[in-house]
Amino acid sequence: MAHVIRLKWSKFIGYEDSGVYEYFVRLKSGDKNLIYVGEADDLRKRSQEHLSVKEPNECLKKNLKEYKWDFRYAILASKADRQDAEQALYDKYKPKCNKVRPSGSGRNLEIKIIEE
């Protein structure tokens, strides 16, 4: 009789997938602390830019260097939805490495984020 091992793979970031993303650092307590939210037309490219030595955000650069970290994303095709989701996530969590509140799309809508 065979021993069955189930693997649940995470999703890949596809080339040119657009969406919103979050960076977390793992604390010694085991908790995760959200430190940055953003939106991008190309999630793969943007994540690579954040991890490069040329990253201009010193807070993000320092935290990604000093801590173990996690990255997650949600794919959103609409630029306006990405901008509004980024702003809503910022307003909800106030990540310490986001220095400026994202401007949103300017649609002047009440935004409700449902996170799964």
N, C-alpha and C. Protein backbone atom coordinates (compact mmCIF):
# COMPACT_ATOMS: atom_id res chain seq x y z
N MET A 1 0.85 -1.19 0.00
CA MET A 1 0.00 0.00 0.00
C MET A 1 0.89 1.24 0.00
N ALA A 2 0.58 2.19 -0.84
CA ALA A 2 1.38 3.40 -0.98
C ALA A 2 1.03 4.42 0.09
N HIS A 3 2.03 5.13 0.54
CA HIS A 3 1.84 6.26 1.45
C HIS A 3 1.55 7.49 0.61
N VAL A 4 0.44 8.12 0.85
CA VAL A 4 0.02 9.27 0.05
C VAL A 4 0.41 10.55 0.76
N ILE A 5 1.06 11.43 0.05
CA ILE A 5 1.42 12.75 0.56
C ILE A 5 0.74 13.77 -0.32
N ARG A 6 -0.06 14.60 0.30
CA ARG A 6 -0.78 15.64 -0.46
C ARG A 6 0.01 16.93 -0.40
N LEU A 7 0.19 17.53 -1.54
CA LEU A 7 0.87 18.82 -1.64
C LEU A 7 -0.12 19.85 -2.13
N LYS A 8 -0.20 20.95 -1.43
CA LYS A 8 -1.05 22.06 -1.88
C LYS A 8 -0.10 23.19 -2.28
N TRP A 9 0.14 23.32 -3.55
CA TRP A 9 1.08 24.32 -4.04
C TRP A 9 0.46 25.71 -3.99
N SER A 10 1.29 26.69 -3.73
CA SER A 10 0.84 28.07 -3.82
C SER A 10 0.80 28.46 -5.29
N LYS A 11 0.14 29.55 -5.56
CA LYS A 11 0.06 30.03 -6.94
C LYS A 11 1.37 30.71 -7.34
N PHE A 12 1.64 30.67 -8.62
CA PHE A 12 2.76 31.42 -9.18
C PHE A 12 2.27 32.82 -9.53
N ILE A 13 3.17 33.75 -9.49
CA ILE A 13 2.86 35.06 -10.05
C ILE A 13 3.14 34.94 -11.53
N GLY A 14 2.12 35.13 -12.33
CA GLY A 14 2.31 35.05 -13.77
C GLY A 14 2.99 36.30 -14.30
N TYR A 15 3.59 36.17 -15.45
CA TYR A 15 4.20 37.34 -16.06
C TYR A 15 3.12 38.34 -16.39
N GLU A 16 3.32 39.54 -15.98
CA GLU A 16 2.44 40.67 -16.23
C GLU A 16 1.09 40.57 -15.52
N ASP A 17 0.99 39.75 -14.46
CA ASP A 17 -0.21 39.80 -13.63
C ASP A 17 -0.21 41.14 -12.89
N SER A 18 -1.36 41.79 -12.86
CA SER A 18 -1.46 43.07 -12.15
C SER A 18 -2.32 42.88 -10.92
N GLY A 19 -2.04 43.67 -9.88
CA GLY A 19 -2.82 43.54 -8.67
C GLY A 19 -2.29 44.39 -7.53
N VAL A 20 -2.73 44.03 -6.33
CA VAL A 20 -2.25 44.67 -5.10
C VAL A 20 -1.41 43.65 -4.35
N TYR A 21 -0.51 44.14 -3.50
CA TYR A 21 0.37 43.23 -2.77
C TYR A 21 0.68 43.77 -1.39
N GLU A 22 1.15 42.86 -0.53
CA GLU A 22 1.51 43.22 0.83
C GLU A 22 2.81 42.51 1.20
N TYR A 23 3.65 43.22 1.96
CA TYR A 23 4.84 42.62 2.56
C TYR A 23 4.64 42.56 4.06
N PHE A 24 4.97 41.41 4.64
CA PHE A 24 4.91 41.19 6.08
C PHE A 24 6.30 40.80 6.57
N VAL A 25 6.63 41.14 7.81
CA VAL A 25 7.81 40.60 8.46
C VAL A 25 7.35 39.66 9.56
N ARG A 26 8.16 38.64 9.82
CA ARG A 26 7.86 37.66 10.86
C ARG A 26 8.59 38.06 12.14
N LEU A 27 7.85 38.26 13.19
CA LEU A 27 8.42 38.66 14.47
C LEU A 27 8.85 37.43 15.27
N LYS A 28 9.72 37.64 16.26
CA LYS A 28 10.20 36.53 17.09
C LYS A 28 9.05 35.81 17.79
N SER A 29 7.98 36.52 18.07
CA SER A 29 6.80 35.93 18.72
C SER A 29 6.05 34.97 17.80
N GLY A 30 6.39 35.00 16.52
CA GLY A 30 5.67 34.19 15.54
C GLY A 30 4.61 34.97 14.79
N ASP A 31 4.29 36.15 15.29
CA ASP A 31 3.31 37.00 14.62
C ASP A 31 3.89 37.57 13.33
N LYS A 32 3.00 37.95 12.44
CA LYS A 32 3.40 38.63 11.22
C LYS A 32 2.93 40.07 11.31
N ASN A 33 3.77 40.98 10.88
CA ASN A 33 3.47 42.40 10.93
C ASN A 33 3.45 42.96 9.51
N LEU A 34 2.31 43.48 9.08
CA LEU A 34 2.20 44.09 7.75
C LEU A 34 3.01 45.38 7.73
N ILE A 35 3.96 45.48 6.81
CA ILE A 35 4.81 46.67 6.78
C ILE A 35 4.63 47.51 5.52
N TYR A 36 4.01 46.95 4.46
CA TYR A 36 3.92 47.71 3.21
C TYR A 36 2.80 47.16 2.34
N VAL A 37 2.04 48.05 1.72
CA VAL A 37 1.06 47.68 0.70
C VAL A 37 1.37 48.46 -0.57
N GLY A 38 1.05 47.86 -1.71
CA GLY A 38 1.28 48.53 -2.98
C GLY A 38 0.38 47.95 -4.06
N GLU A 39 0.46 48.56 -5.23
CA GLU A 39 -0.26 48.06 -6.40
C GLU A 39 0.70 48.14 -7.58
N ALA A 40 0.50 47.24 -8.54
CA ALA A 40 1.42 47.20 -9.67
C ALA A 40 0.74 46.66 -10.92
N ASP A 41 1.17 47.17 -12.06
CA ASP A 41 0.73 46.64 -13.35
C ASP A 41 1.37 45.26 -13.58
N ASP A 42 2.58 45.05 -13.06
CA ASP A 42 3.32 43.80 -13.23
C ASP A 42 3.87 43.41 -11.86
N LEU A 43 3.18 42.50 -11.17
CA LEU A 43 3.55 42.12 -9.80
C LEU A 43 4.96 41.53 -9.71
N ARG A 44 5.31 40.69 -10.67
CA ARG A 44 6.64 40.07 -10.66
C ARG A 44 7.74 41.14 -10.75
N LYS A 45 7.59 42.04 -11.69
CA LYS A 45 8.59 43.09 -11.89
C LYS A 45 8.69 43.99 -10.65
N ARG A 46 7.53 44.36 -10.10
CA ARG A 46 7.52 45.26 -8.94
C ARG A 46 8.15 44.60 -7.72
N SER A 47 7.86 43.33 -7.51
CA SER A 47 8.46 42.64 -6.36
C SER A 47 9.98 42.55 -6.52
N GLN A 48 10.45 42.34 -7.74
CA GLN A 48 11.89 42.30 -7.99
C GLN A 48 12.53 43.66 -7.75
N GLU A 49 11.81 44.73 -8.11
CA GLU A 49 12.34 46.08 -7.85
C GLU A 49 12.48 46.34 -6.36
N HIS A 50 11.48 45.91 -5.57
CA HIS A 50 11.56 46.10 -4.12
C HIS A 50 12.74 45.35 -3.50
N LEU A 51 13.11 44.23 -4.08
CA LEU A 51 14.18 43.41 -3.53
C LEU A 51 15.56 43.79 -4.05
N SER A 52 15.62 44.75 -4.94
CA SER A 52 16.91 45.16 -5.50
C SER A 52 17.63 46.13 -4.56
N VAL A 53 18.93 46.28 -4.77
CA VAL A 53 19.71 47.22 -3.96
C VAL A 53 19.33 48.66 -4.25
N LYS A 54 18.62 48.89 -5.34
CA LYS A 54 18.20 50.24 -5.72
C LYS A 54 16.87 50.67 -5.11
N GLU A 55 16.28 49.82 -4.25
CA GLU A 55 15.00 50.16 -3.61
C GLU A 55 15.17 51.47 -2.84
N PRO A 56 14.37 52.51 -3.18
CA PRO A 56 14.52 53.81 -2.52
C PRO A 56 13.87 53.90 -1.14
N ASN A 57 12.93 53.01 -0.83
CA ASN A 57 12.23 53.06 0.45
C ASN A 57 13.11 52.40 1.51
N GLU A 58 13.79 53.22 2.30
CA GLU A 58 14.75 52.71 3.29
C GLU A 58 14.08 51.84 4.35
N CYS A 59 12.88 52.18 4.76
CA CYS A 59 12.16 51.38 5.75
C CYS A 59 11.91 49.98 5.22
N LEU A 60 11.41 49.89 4.00
CA LEU A 60 11.12 48.59 3.40
C LEU A 60 12.42 47.80 3.19
N LYS A 61 13.42 48.45 2.65
CA LYS A 61 14.71 47.80 2.40
C LYS A 61 15.29 47.23 3.70
N LYS A 62 15.27 48.03 4.76
CA LYS A 62 15.83 47.61 6.05
C LYS A 62 15.05 46.42 6.62
N ASN A 63 13.74 46.48 6.60
CA ASN A 63 12.92 45.40 7.15
C ASN A 63 13.05 44.11 6.36
N LEU A 64 13.12 44.19 5.04
CA LEU A 64 13.27 42.98 4.23
C LEU A 64 14.65 42.36 4.41
N LYS A 65 15.63 43.17 4.78
CA LYS A 65 16.99 42.67 5.02
C LYS A 65 17.10 42.06 6.42
N GLU A 66 16.47 42.67 7.42
CA GLU A 66 16.66 42.27 8.81
C GLU A 66 15.75 41.13 9.26
N TYR A 67 14.60 40.96 8.64
CA TYR A 67 13.63 39.98 9.09
C TYR A 67 13.35 38.95 8.02
N LYS A 68 12.85 37.81 8.44
CA LYS A 68 12.24 36.90 7.49
C LYS A 68 10.93 37.57 7.08
N TRP A 69 10.56 37.43 5.84
CA TRP A 69 9.39 38.16 5.36
C TRP A 69 8.52 37.28 4.47
N ASP A 70 7.29 37.74 4.29
CA ASP A 70 6.33 37.10 3.41
C ASP A 70 5.73 38.15 2.48
N PHE A 71 5.33 37.69 1.32
CA PHE A 71 4.73 38.53 0.28
C PHE A 71 3.45 37.83 -0.16
N ARG A 72 2.37 38.58 -0.24
CA ARG A 72 1.16 38.01 -0.82
C ARG A 72 0.54 39.04 -1.75
N TYR A 73 -0.32 38.54 -2.62
CA TYR A 73 -0.89 39.42 -3.64
C TYR A 73 -2.30 38.97 -3.99
N ALA A 74 -3.04 39.89 -4.58
CA ALA A 74 -4.35 39.60 -5.14
C ALA A 74 -4.37 40.20 -6.54
N ILE A 75 -4.75 39.40 -7.50
CA ILE A 75 -4.78 39.87 -8.89
C ILE A 75 -6.03 40.71 -9.12
N LEU A 76 -5.83 41.91 -9.65
CA LEU A 76 -6.91 42.82 -10.03
C LEU A 76 -6.54 43.43 -11.38
N ALA A 77 -7.33 43.19 -12.38
CA ALA A 77 -7.02 43.69 -13.72
C ALA A 77 -7.26 45.19 -13.85
N SER A 78 -8.27 45.71 -13.19
CA SER A 78 -8.63 47.12 -13.33
C SER A 78 -7.67 48.02 -12.56
N LYS A 79 -7.07 48.98 -13.26
CA LYS A 79 -6.14 49.94 -12.63
C LYS A 79 -6.86 50.70 -11.51
N ALA A 80 -8.09 51.16 -11.77
CA ALA A 80 -8.83 51.91 -10.76
C ALA A 80 -9.10 51.04 -9.52
N ASP A 81 -9.45 49.78 -9.72
CA ASP A 81 -9.67 48.89 -8.58
C ASP A 81 -8.38 48.68 -7.79
N ARG A 82 -7.25 48.53 -8.48
CA ARG A 82 -5.96 48.38 -7.79
C ARG A 82 -5.65 49.60 -6.94
N GLN A 83 -5.84 50.77 -7.53
CA GLN A 83 -5.55 52.01 -6.80
C GLN A 83 -6.45 52.17 -5.58
N ASP A 84 -7.73 51.85 -5.74
CA ASP A 84 -8.67 51.98 -4.62
C ASP A 84 -8.42 50.92 -3.56
N ALA A 85 -8.08 49.70 -3.97
CA ALA A 85 -7.77 48.64 -3.01
C ALA A 85 -6.51 48.98 -2.22
N GLU A 86 -5.50 49.51 -2.90
CA GLU A 86 -4.26 49.91 -2.21
C GLU A 86 -4.58 50.97 -1.15
N GLN A 87 -5.37 51.97 -1.52
CA GLN A 87 -5.72 53.03 -0.58
C GLN A 87 -6.53 52.47 0.61
N ALA A 88 -7.48 51.59 0.33
CA ALA A 88 -8.29 51.00 1.40
C ALA A 88 -7.45 50.15 2.34
N LEU A 89 -6.50 49.38 1.79
CA LEU A 89 -5.61 48.58 2.64
C LEU A 89 -4.73 49.48 3.49
N TYR A 90 -4.23 50.55 2.90
CA TYR A 90 -3.43 51.52 3.66
C TYR A 90 -4.26 52.11 4.81
N ASP A 91 -5.47 52.55 4.49
CA ASP A 91 -6.33 53.15 5.52
C ASP A 91 -6.64 52.17 6.64
N LYS A 92 -6.81 50.90 6.30
CA LYS A 92 -7.16 49.89 7.29
C LYS A 92 -5.98 49.53 8.19
N TYR A 93 -4.78 49.40 7.61
CA TYR A 93 -3.64 48.86 8.36
C TYR A 93 -2.54 49.88 8.70
N LYS A 94 -2.47 50.98 8.00
CA LYS A 94 -1.42 52.00 8.22
C LYS A 94 -0.02 51.36 8.29
N PRO A 95 0.41 50.65 7.25
CA PRO A 95 1.72 49.98 7.28
C PRO A 95 2.85 50.99 7.49
N LYS A 96 3.80 50.62 8.34
CA LYS A 96 4.83 51.57 8.75
C LYS A 96 5.78 51.98 7.62
N CYS A 97 5.92 51.20 6.59
CA CYS A 97 6.85 51.55 5.51
C CYS A 97 6.19 52.29 4.35
N ASN A 98 4.88 52.46 4.39
CA ASN A 98 4.21 53.33 3.43
C ASN A 98 4.27 54.73 4.01
N LYS A 99 5.01 55.61 3.39
CA LYS A 99 5.21 56.95 3.94
C LYS A 99 4.11 57.93 3.53
N VAL A 100 3.44 57.65 2.44
CA VAL A 100 2.41 58.55 1.91
C VAL A 100 1.14 57.74 1.65
N ARG A 101 0.00 58.31 1.99
CA ARG A 101 -1.27 57.64 1.71
C ARG A 101 -1.47 57.56 0.20
N PRO A 102 -1.74 56.35 -0.33
CA PRO A 102 -2.00 56.23 -1.76
C PRO A 102 -3.20 57.09 -2.17
N SER A 103 -3.15 57.62 -3.38
CA SER A 103 -4.16 58.58 -3.82
C SER A 103 -5.47 57.93 -4.25
N GLY A 104 -5.47 56.63 -4.52
CA GLY A 104 -6.69 55.99 -5.02
C GLY A 104 -6.96 56.41 -6.45
N SER A 105 -8.09 56.00 -6.97
CA SER A 105 -8.43 56.26 -8.38
C SER A 105 -9.07 57.61 -8.61
N GLY A 106 -9.59 58.21 -7.54
CA GLY A 106 -10.32 59.45 -7.70
C GLY A 106 -11.78 59.26 -8.04
N ARG A 107 -12.26 58.02 -8.00
CA ARG A 107 -13.66 57.74 -8.34
C ARG A 107 -14.62 58.21 -7.25
N ASN A 108 -14.08 58.54 -6.09
CA ASN A 108 -14.90 59.05 -4.98
C ASN A 108 -16.01 58.08 -4.59
N LEU A 109 -15.62 56.82 -4.42
CA LEU A 109 -16.56 55.78 -4.01
C LEU A 109 -16.21 55.30 -2.62
N GLU A 110 -17.18 54.80 -1.89
CA GLU A 110 -16.88 54.12 -0.63
C GLU A 110 -16.37 52.73 -1.03
N ILE A 111 -15.20 52.37 -0.55
CA ILE A 111 -14.58 51.10 -0.91
C ILE A 111 -14.68 50.15 0.27
N LYS A 112 -15.13 48.94 0.00
CA LYS A 112 -15.18 47.87 1.00
C LYS A 112 -14.28 46.74 0.51
N ILE A 113 -13.32 46.38 1.32
CA ILE A 113 -12.39 45.31 0.97
C ILE A 113 -12.81 44.05 1.72
N ILE A 114 -12.90 42.94 1.00
CA ILE A 114 -13.15 41.64 1.61
C ILE A 114 -11.90 40.80 1.37
N GLU A 115 -11.23 40.43 2.45
CA GLU A 115 -10.00 39.66 2.35
C GLU A 115 -10.27 38.19 2.64
N GLU A 116 -9.80 37.33 1.75
CA GLU A 116 -9.97 35.88 1.94
C GLU A 116 -8.62 35.22 2.04
